[in-house]
Every structure is written in C-alpha cells, then in structure tokens.
N, C-alpha and C. Protein backbone atom coordinates (compact mmCIF):
# COMPACT_ATOMS: atom_id res chain seq x y z
N MET A 1 -19.83 35.23 16.07
CA MET A 1 -19.77 33.60 15.32
C MET A 1 -19.37 33.54 14.10
N ASN A 2 -19.47 34.30 13.01
CA ASN A 2 -18.94 34.24 11.83
C ASN A 2 -17.24 34.19 12.08
N ASN A 3 -16.52 34.98 13.35
CA ASN A 3 -15.57 34.90 13.24
C ASN A 3 -14.64 33.43 13.66
N ALA A 4 -15.87 33.00 14.89
CA ALA A 4 -15.48 31.17 15.33
C ALA A 4 -15.36 30.41 14.44
N ASN A 5 -16.40 30.27 13.40
CA ASN A 5 -16.51 29.59 11.88
C ASN A 5 -15.08 29.92 11.30
N GLN A 6 -14.83 31.11 11.00
CA GLN A 6 -13.87 31.43 9.96
C GLN A 6 -12.15 30.24 10.59
N GLU A 7 -12.23 30.86 12.34
CA GLU A 7 -10.97 30.06 12.81
C GLU A 7 -11.21 28.64 13.00
N LEU A 8 -12.29 28.18 13.22
CA LEU A 8 -12.33 26.70 12.22
C LEU A 8 -11.92 26.17 11.07
N ASN A 9 -12.39 26.76 10.28
CA ASN A 9 -12.11 26.43 9.17
C ASN A 9 -10.52 26.86 9.09
N VAL A 10 -9.94 27.44 9.78
CA VAL A 10 -8.77 27.55 9.40
C VAL A 10 -7.64 26.71 9.98
N VAL A 11 -8.51 26.22 10.81
CA VAL A 11 -7.79 24.78 11.65
C VAL A 11 -7.85 23.69 10.88
N MET A 12 -9.31 23.47 10.55
CA MET A 12 -9.37 22.16 9.69
C MET A 12 -8.50 21.85 8.58
N PHE A 13 -8.66 22.86 7.58
CA PHE A 13 -7.70 23.18 6.74
C PHE A 13 -6.40 22.56 7.36
N TYR A 14 -5.53 23.72 7.92
CA TYR A 14 -4.27 23.12 8.32
C TYR A 14 -4.11 22.26 8.69
N ARG A 15 -5.41 20.93 9.75
CA ARG A 15 -4.69 19.78 9.70
C ARG A 15 -4.77 18.74 8.84
N SER A 16 -5.95 19.41 7.49
CA SER A 16 -6.06 18.19 6.62
C SER A 16 -5.02 18.47 5.81
N TYR A 17 -4.32 19.29 5.52
CA TYR A 17 -3.26 20.24 4.92
C TYR A 17 -2.00 19.35 5.26
N HIS A 18 -1.77 19.54 6.35
CA HIS A 18 -0.92 18.74 7.24
C HIS A 18 -0.56 17.48 7.06
N PHE A 19 -2.03 16.39 7.21
CA PHE A 19 -2.63 15.03 7.03
C PHE A 19 -1.65 14.43 5.51
N VAL A 20 -2.33 15.50 4.76
CA VAL A 20 -1.64 15.12 3.30
C VAL A 20 -0.51 14.82 3.00
N GLN A 21 0.19 16.01 3.41
CA GLN A 21 1.60 16.10 3.54
C GLN A 21 2.47 14.88 4.06
N GLU A 22 1.79 14.49 5.32
CA GLU A 22 2.72 13.35 5.98
C GLU A 22 2.52 12.05 4.91
N LEU A 23 0.89 11.73 4.59
CA LEU A 23 0.84 10.95 3.59
C LEU A 23 1.73 10.48 2.57
N LYS A 24 1.99 12.01 1.87
CA LYS A 24 3.03 12.08 0.52
C LYS A 24 4.24 11.73 1.05
N VAL A 25 4.85 12.30 2.95
CA VAL A 25 6.03 11.48 3.11
C VAL A 25 6.23 10.40 3.21
N ASN A 26 5.21 9.53 4.02
CA ASN A 26 5.13 8.36 4.29
C ASN A 26 5.21 7.17 2.77
N SER A 27 4.17 7.61 1.76
CA SER A 27 4.29 7.21 0.82
C SER A 27 5.79 6.96 0.43
N PHE A 28 6.18 8.13 0.10
CA PHE A 28 7.45 8.43 -0.62
C PHE A 28 8.64 7.68 0.02
N ALA A 29 8.94 7.63 1.58
CA ALA A 29 9.70 6.68 1.78
C ALA A 29 9.25 5.15 2.08
N SER A 30 7.90 4.52 1.55
CA SER A 30 7.50 3.09 2.07
C SER A 30 7.98 3.13 0.30
N GLU A 31 8.01 3.78 -0.64
CA GLU A 31 8.33 3.60 -1.81
C GLU A 31 9.23 3.09 -2.06
N ASN A 32 10.34 3.80 -1.72
CA ASN A 32 11.91 4.02 -1.58
C ASN A 32 12.93 2.98 -1.30
N GLY A 33 11.73 2.77 0.03
CA GLY A 33 12.09 1.58 1.01
C GLY A 33 11.74 0.05 0.58
N GLY A 34 10.46 0.23 -0.04
CA GLY A 34 10.54 -1.04 -0.73
C GLY A 34 11.36 -1.39 -1.83
N LYS A 35 12.11 -0.45 -2.61
CA LYS A 35 13.10 -0.34 -4.00
C LYS A 35 14.33 -0.66 -3.36
N GLY A 36 14.60 -0.30 -1.98
CA GLY A 36 15.41 -0.91 -1.47
C GLY A 36 16.65 0.31 -2.07
N ILE A 37 16.22 1.56 -2.10
CA ILE A 37 17.05 2.42 -2.18
C ILE A 37 17.22 4.07 -1.20
N GLY A 38 18.46 4.20 -0.72
CA GLY A 38 18.80 4.81 0.16
C GLY A 38 18.60 6.25 0.32
N ILE A 39 18.12 7.24 1.04
CA ILE A 39 18.11 8.20 1.00
C ILE A 39 19.32 9.02 1.25
C-alpha cells in the first residue's frame, strides 16, 4: 500500500509540474504576442 501511495504522489507531482510548465509557456507566448514581439 505504501508503494502505491508513493507512485500516486509521483504521478500527481509530475502532472502538477507539467501543468505549471505549460502555464509558463502559454503566459510567455501570450505576453510576447500581445506586445507584437516575434520569437
């Protein structure tokens, strides 16, 4: 049971981390797009 909990924690951590990374990329792109700066 403990092992299953550890795996669940890893999955949740990975998902939240990936979600934050996507938010950063989206906000960065929208900021540049709003200012008309091309990458």
